[in-house]
Amino acid sequence: MTGSKTFGPHQSASASTLANMPRSERLHYLDALRSFCMLFGLFVHATTLDNFRWLDSIPFISDQFRMATFFAASAMLSILILQKRPAGSFVCKRLVMLLVPFIAGVLLLNPATLWLIWQVRGSEPESLRTILSLSISSDGLWKPANLVWHLHLWFLFTLAVYATLTPALNRIIGSARISQSFDNLL
């Protein structure tokens, strides 16, 4: 077959094509997709400010695609980066990029956010003491307290977990037989 390209055992045709893109070539459609999802998130969170029945469908629509789209875009970009960097460097940089904002948000932004929720809604937020402690249920068993301390930062922690698993998953999925199955689907 003329013009065919041979790929390594851990690269499919699609992964190789993405990995061989020039560094300066930006995937503008991914920027537009992520921007749309972020802007749609503003509408989702705005619906929580008051009880407008006609806006109830916005969070439902968002739940169908928005965060899944963010995670899919992140996975695609992670594979692109992993193809160009050693696995150890990839994981270290990703953990710093994800966990520093997560920790800063939990320590600096979330206390203020919980206080604002308390002021606006009149319901007392979880205190740090309640969050970090364990409570005893009526039957005498230990149970964890309601852990809302992460608020809207859950996705950063989740992406950090995925980032540590990405090199291994890439190796498994990139194996010749599994890669061929994915290519046949496309």
C-alpha atoms as a PDB file:
ATOM      1  CA  MET A   1       0.000   0.000   0.000  1.00  0.00           C
ATOM      2  CA  THR A   2       1.610   3.272  -1.083  1.00  0.00           C
ATOM      3  CA  GLY A   3       1.661   6.210   1.239  1.00  0.00           C
ATOM      4  CA  SER A   4       0.787   4.130   4.305  1.00  0.00           C
ATOM      5  CA  LYS A   5       2.417   5.076   7.552  1.00  0.00           C
ATOM      6  CA  THR A   6       3.732   2.620  10.135  1.00  0.00           C
ATOM      7  CA  PHE A   7       2.901   3.390  13.745  1.00  0.00           C
ATOM      8  CA  GLY A   8       4.634   2.279  16.894  1.00  0.00           C
ATOM      9  CA  PRO A   9       3.070  -0.341  19.175  1.00  0.00           C
ATOM     10  CA  HIS A  10       1.647   2.339  21.471  1.00  0.00           C
ATOM     11  CA  GLN A  11       0.287   4.691  18.818  1.00  0.00           C
ATOM     12  CA  SER A  12      -2.824   4.443  16.740  1.00  0.00           C
ATOM     13  CA  ALA A  13      -3.216   6.314  13.486  1.00  0.00           C
ATOM     14  CA  SER A  14      -5.358   8.953  15.158  1.00  0.00           C
ATOM     15  CA  ALA A  15      -2.984   9.419  18.118  1.00  0.00           C
ATOM     16  CA  SER A  16      -0.013   9.679  15.774  1.00  0.00           C
ATOM     17  CA  THR A  17      -1.790  12.213  13.594  1.00  0.00           C
ATOM     18  CA  LEU A  18      -2.576  14.369  16.604  1.00  0.00           C
ATOM     19  CA  ALA A  19       0.884  13.975  18.088  1.00  0.00           C
ATOM     20  CA  ASN A  20       2.591  14.963  14.815  1.00  0.00           C
ATOM     21  CA  MET A  21       0.715  18.236  14.477  1.00  0.00           C
ATOM     22  CA  PRO A  22       3.007  21.259  14.409  1.00  0.00           C
ATOM     23  CA  ARG A  23       3.445  22.811  17.840  1.00  0.00           C
ATOM     24  CA  SER A  24       2.183  26.169  16.610  1.00  0.00           C
ATOM     25  CA  GLU A  25      -1.058  24.694  15.250  1.00  0.00           C
ATOM     26  CA  ARG A  26      -3.793  25.449  17.760  1.00  0.00           C
ATOM     27  CA  LEU A  27      -7.017  23.481  17.878  1.00  0.00           C
ATOM     28  CA  HIS A  28      -9.337  26.489  17.688  1.00  0.00           C
ATOM     29  CA  TYR A  29     -12.469  24.368  17.689  1.00  0.00           C
ATOM     30  CA  LEU A  30     -11.554  23.091  21.146  1.00  0.00           C
ATOM     31  CA  ASP A  31     -11.168  26.665  22.396  1.00  0.00           C
ATOM     32  CA  ALA A  32     -14.616  27.506  21.019  1.00  0.00           C
ATOM     33  CA  LEU A  33     -16.135  24.362  22.521  1.00  0.00           C
ATOM     34  CA  ARG A  34     -14.651  25.027  25.955  1.00  0.00           C
ATOM     35  CA  SER A  35     -15.754  28.674  25.800  1.00  0.00           C
ATOM     36  CA  PHE A  36     -19.310  27.645  24.970  1.00  0.00           C
ATOM     37  CA  CYS A  37     -19.369  25.200  27.885  1.00  0.00           C
ATOM     38  CA  MET A  38     -18.008  27.848  30.274  1.00  0.00           C
ATOM     39  CA  LEU A  39     -20.561  30.434  29.166  1.00  0.00           C
ATOM     40  CA  PHE A  40     -23.371  27.898  29.442  1.00  0.00           C
ATOM     41  CA  GLY A  41     -22.176  27.287  33.014  1.00  0.00           C
ATOM     42  CA  LEU A  42     -22.938  30.921  33.833  1.00  0.00           C
ATOM     43  CA  PHE A  43     -26.574  30.325  32.924  1.00  0.00           C
ATOM     44  CA  VAL A  44     -26.636  27.131  34.968  1.00  0.00           C
ATOM     45  CA  HIS A  45     -25.385  28.861  38.088  1.00  0.00           C
ATOM     46  CA  ALA A  46     -27.538  31.937  37.520  1.00  0.00           C
ATOM     47  CA  THR A  47     -30.644  29.734  37.749  1.00  0.00           C
ATOM     48  CA  THR A  48     -29.818  29.086  41.405  1.00  0.00           C
ATOM     49  CA  LEU A  49     -30.182  32.757  42.320  1.00  0.00           C
ATOM     50  CA  ASP A  50     -33.964  32.769  42.289  1.00  0.00           C
ATOM     51  CA  ASN A  51     -36.919  30.506  41.653  1.00  0.00           C
ATOM     52  CA  PHE A  52     -37.710  31.074  37.987  1.00  0.00           C
ATOM     53  CA  ARG A  53     -39.631  27.977  36.888  1.00  0.00           C
ATOM     54  CA  TRP A  54     -39.015  28.682  33.205  1.00  0.00           C
ATOM     55  CA  LEU A  55     -35.253  28.360  33.794  1.00  0.00           C
ATOM     56  CA  ASP A  56     -35.465  24.884  35.349  1.00  0.00           C
ATOM     57  CA  SER A  57     -34.585  23.197  32.062  1.00  0.00           C
ATOM     58  CA  ILE A  58     -31.169  24.899  31.820  1.00  0.00           C
ATOM     59  CA  PRO A  59     -29.449  22.790  34.541  1.00  0.00           C
ATOM     60  CA  PHE A  60     -31.054  19.647  33.107  1.00  0.00           C
ATOM     61  CA  ILE A  61     -29.738  20.425  29.623  1.00  0.00           C
ATOM     62  CA  SER A  62     -26.311  21.215  31.058  1.00  0.00           C
ATOM     63  CA  ASP A  63     -26.191  17.938  32.964  1.00  0.00           C
ATOM     64  CA  GLN A  64     -26.548  16.091  29.669  1.00  0.00           C
ATOM     65  CA  PHE A  65     -23.307  17.301  28.123  1.00  0.00           C
ATOM     66  CA  ARG A  66     -21.366  20.170  29.704  1.00  0.00           C
ATOM     67  CA  MET A  67     -18.980  18.544  32.190  1.00  0.00           C
ATOM     68  CA  ALA A  68     -18.614  15.427  30.051  1.00  0.00           C
ATOM     69  CA  THR A  69     -17.524  17.683  27.192  1.00  0.00           C
ATOM     70  CA  PHE A  70     -14.937  19.387  29.409  1.00  0.00           C
ATOM     71  CA  PHE A  71     -13.551  16.013  30.488  1.00  0.00           C
ATOM     72  CA  ALA A  72     -13.438  14.690  26.899  1.00  0.00           C
ATOM     73  CA  ALA A  73     -11.562  17.800  25.715  1.00  0.00           C
ATOM     74  CA  SER A  74      -9.171  17.470  28.652  1.00  0.00           C
ATOM     75  CA  ALA A  75      -8.521  13.830  27.799  1.00  0.00           C
ATOM     76  CA  MET A  76      -7.772  14.656  24.179  1.00  0.00           C
ATOM     77  CA  LEU A  77      -5.405  17.471  25.090  1.00  0.00           C
ATOM     78  CA  SER A  78      -3.734  15.320  27.756  1.00  0.00           C
ATOM     79  CA  ILE A  79      -2.958  12.618  25.205  1.00  0.00           C
ATOM     80  CA  LEU A  80      -1.498  15.232  22.863  1.00  0.00           C
ATOM     81  CA  ILE A  81       0.768  16.513  25.619  1.00  0.00           C
ATOM     82  CA  LEU A  82       1.688  13.013  26.781  1.00  0.00           C
ATOM     83  CA  GLN A  83       2.816  12.142  23.251  1.00  0.00           C
ATOM     84  CA  LYS A  84       5.369  14.974  23.432  1.00  0.00           C
ATOM     85  CA  ARG A  85       6.578  14.639  27.061  1.00  0.00           C
ATOM     86  CA  PRO A  86       7.829  11.874  29.337  1.00  0.00           C
ATOM     87  CA  ALA A  87       5.117  10.417  31.581  1.00  0.00           C
ATOM     88  CA  GLY A  88       6.746  11.595  34.822  1.00  0.00           C
ATOM     89  CA  SER A  89       7.038  15.168  33.601  1.00  0.00           C
ATOM     90  CA  PHE A  90       3.444  15.083  32.341  1.00  0.00           C
ATOM     91  CA  VAL A  91       2.045  13.866  35.677  1.00  0.00           C
ATOM     92  CA  CYS A  92       4.098  16.323  37.775  1.00  0.00           C
ATOM     93  CA  LYS A  93       3.113  19.334  35.675  1.00  0.00           C
ATOM     94  CA  ARG A  94      -0.555  18.304  35.585  1.00  0.00           C
ATOM     95  CA  LEU A  95      -0.695  17.780  39.341  1.00  0.00           C
ATOM     96  CA  VAL A  96       0.802  21.211  39.972  1.00  0.00           C
ATOM     97  CA  MET A  97      -1.561  22.824  37.451  1.00  0.00           C
ATOM     98  CA  LEU A  98      -4.616  21.171  39.026  1.00  0.00           C
ATOM     99  CA  LEU A  99      -3.852  20.842  42.734  1.00  0.00           C
ATOM    100  CA  VAL A 100      -2.423  24.332  43.364  1.00  0.00           C
ATOM    101  CA  PRO A 101      -5.684  26.035  42.235  1.00  0.00           C
ATOM    102  CA  PHE A 102      -7.693  23.361  44.069  1.00  0.00           C
ATOM    103  CA  ILE A 103      -5.888  23.937  47.384  1.00  0.00           C
ATOM    104  CA  ALA A 104      -5.915  27.725  46.964  1.00  0.00           C
ATOM    105  CA  GLY A 105      -9.630  27.630  46.191  1.00  0.00           C
ATOM    106  CA  VAL A 106     -10.459  25.410  49.150  1.00  0.00           C
ATOM    107  CA  LEU A 107      -8.452  27.558  51.561  1.00  0.00           C
ATOM    108  CA  LEU A 108      -9.121  31.052  50.180  1.00  0.00           C
ATOM    109  CA  LEU A 109     -12.303  31.109  48.100  1.00  0.00           C
ATOM    110  CA  ASN A 110     -14.550  28.499  49.651  1.00  0.00           C
ATOM    111  CA  PRO A 111     -14.753  30.036  53.144  1.00  0.00           C
ATOM    112  CA  ALA A 112     -15.919  33.315  51.592  1.00  0.00           C
ATOM    113  CA  THR A 113     -18.342  31.451  49.312  1.00  0.00           C
ATOM    114  CA  LEU A 114     -19.811  29.488  52.211  1.00  0.00           C
ATOM    115  CA  TRP A 115     -20.241  32.731  54.159  1.00  0.00           C
ATOM    116  CA  LEU A 116     -22.030  34.345  51.185  1.00  0.00           C
ATOM    117  CA  ILE A 117     -24.332  31.335  50.863  1.00  0.00           C
ATOM    118  CA  TRP A 118     -25.143  31.708  54.538  1.00  0.00           C
ATOM    119  CA  GLN A 119     -25.907  35.417  54.077  1.00  0.00           C
ATOM    120  CA  VAL A 120     -28.051  34.997  50.949  1.00  0.00           C
ATOM    121  CA  ARG A 121     -29.941  31.835  51.823  1.00  0.00           C
ATOM    122  CA  GLY A 122     -30.022  32.152  55.578  1.00  0.00           C
ATOM    123  CA  SER A 123     -28.810  28.586  56.047  1.00  0.00           C
ATOM    124  CA  GLU A 124     -25.709  28.045  58.122  1.00  0.00           C
ATOM    125  CA  PRO A 125     -22.783  26.710  56.085  1.00  0.00           C
ATOM    126  CA  GLU A 126     -20.748  23.736  57.156  1.00  0.00           C
ATOM    127  CA  SER A 127     -18.087  24.857  59.603  1.00  0.00           C
ATOM    128  CA  LEU A 128     -14.511  23.702  59.214  1.00  0.00           C
ATOM    129  CA  ARG A 129     -14.868  21.805  62.486  1.00  0.00           C
ATOM    130  CA  THR A 130     -17.940  19.958  61.184  1.00  0.00           C
ATOM    131  CA  ILE A 131     -16.313  19.249  57.860  1.00  0.00           C
ATOM    132  CA  LEU A 132     -13.145  17.769  59.339  1.00  0.00           C
ATOM    133  CA  SER A 133     -14.795  15.844  62.133  1.00  0.00           C
ATOM    134  CA  LEU A 134     -16.746  12.646  62.134  1.00  0.00           C
ATOM    135  CA  SER A 135     -20.184  12.509  63.652  1.00  0.00           C
ATOM    136  CA  ILE A 136     -21.840   9.605  65.430  1.00  0.00           C
ATOM    137  CA  SER A 137     -25.123   8.373  64.017  1.00  0.00           C
ATOM    138  CA  SER A 138     -28.071   7.467  66.238  1.00  0.00           C
ATOM    139  CA  ASP A 139     -27.032   3.802  66.224  1.00  0.00           C
ATOM    140  CA  GLY A 140     -23.577   4.645  67.567  1.00  0.00           C
ATOM    141  CA  LEU A 141     -21.672   4.095  64.316  1.00  0.00           C
ATOM    142  CA  TRP A 142     -19.195   6.595  62.904  1.00  0.00           C
ATOM    143  CA  LYS A 143     -20.249   8.319  59.704  1.00  0.00           C
ATOM    144  CA  PRO A 144     -18.558  11.094  57.726  1.00  0.00           C
ATOM    145  CA  ALA A 145     -19.964  14.598  57.962  1.00  0.00           C
ATOM    146  CA  ASN A 146     -21.544  16.256  54.937  1.00  0.00           C
ATOM    147  CA  LEU A 147     -18.450  17.163  52.945  1.00  0.00           C
ATOM    148  CA  VAL A 148     -19.367  20.261  50.929  1.00  0.00           C
ATOM    149  CA  TRP A 149     -15.998  21.887  51.541  1.00  0.00           C
ATOM    150  CA  HIS A 150     -14.942  21.431  47.911  1.00  0.00           C
ATOM    151  CA  LEU A 151     -18.020  23.216  46.475  1.00  0.00           C
ATOM    152  CA  HIS A 152     -17.422  23.724  42.750  1.00  0.00           C
ATOM    153  CA  LEU A 153     -13.819  22.576  42.796  1.00  0.00           C
ATOM    154  CA  TRP A 154     -14.588  18.847  42.602  1.00  0.00           C
ATOM    155  CA  PHE A 155     -13.591  18.705  38.926  1.00  0.00           C
ATOM    156  CA  LEU A 156     -10.017  19.868  39.651  1.00  0.00           C
ATOM    157  CA  PHE A 157      -9.478  17.008  42.085  1.00  0.00           C
ATOM    158  CA  THR A 158     -11.106  14.551  39.672  1.00  0.00           C
ATOM    159  CA  LEU A 159      -8.888  15.716  36.803  1.00  0.00           C
ATOM    160  CA  ALA A 160      -5.832  15.333  39.067  1.00  0.00           C
ATOM    161  CA  VAL A 161      -6.763  11.693  39.656  1.00  0.00           C
ATOM    162  CA  TYR A 162      -7.259  11.153  35.923  1.00  0.00           C
ATOM    163  CA  ALA A 163      -3.934  12.861  35.176  1.00  0.00           C
ATOM    164  CA  THR A 164      -2.084  10.349  37.360  1.00  0.00           C
ATOM    165  CA  LEU A 165      -3.834   7.487  35.547  1.00  0.00           C
ATOM    166  CA  THR A 166      -3.399   8.890  32.018  1.00  0.00           C
ATOM    167  CA  PRO A 167       0.047   7.430  31.200  1.00  0.00           C
ATOM    168  CA  ALA A 168      -1.037   3.920  32.205  1.00  0.00           C
ATOM    169  CA  LEU A 169      -4.379   4.204  30.422  1.00  0.00           C
ATOM    170  CA  ASN A 170      -2.665   5.558  27.316  1.00  0.00           C
ATOM    171  CA  ARG A 171      -0.340   2.578  27.326  1.00  0.00           C
ATOM    172  CA  ILE A 172      -3.227   0.125  27.683  1.00  0.00           C
ATOM    173  CA  ILE A 173      -5.451   1.788  25.097  1.00  0.00           C
ATOM    174  CA  GLY A 174      -2.500   2.379  22.797  1.00  0.00           C
ATOM    175  CA  SER A 175      -1.629  -1.299  22.678  1.00  0.00           C
ATOM    176  CA  ALA A 176      -1.797  -2.630  19.132  1.00  0.00           C
ATOM    177  CA  ARG A 177      -4.936  -4.773  19.464  1.00  0.00           C
ATOM    178  CA  ILE A 178      -7.043  -2.253  21.408  1.00  0.00           C
ATOM    179  CA  SER A 179      -5.816   0.598  19.223  1.00  0.00           C
ATOM    180  CA  GLN A 180      -6.846  -1.310  16.105  1.00  0.00           C
ATOM    181  CA  SER A 181     -10.322  -1.828  17.567  1.00  0.00           C
ATOM    182  CA  PHE A 182     -10.694   1.918  18.188  1.00  0.00           C
ATOM    183  CA  ASP A 183      -9.471   2.741  14.699  1.00  0.00           C
ATOM    184  CA  ASN A 184     -11.999   0.299  13.225  1.00  0.00           C
ATOM    185  CA  LEU A 185     -14.777   2.111  15.103  1.00  0.00           C
ATOM    186  CA  LEU A 186     -13.721   5.419  13.582  1.00  0.00           C
END
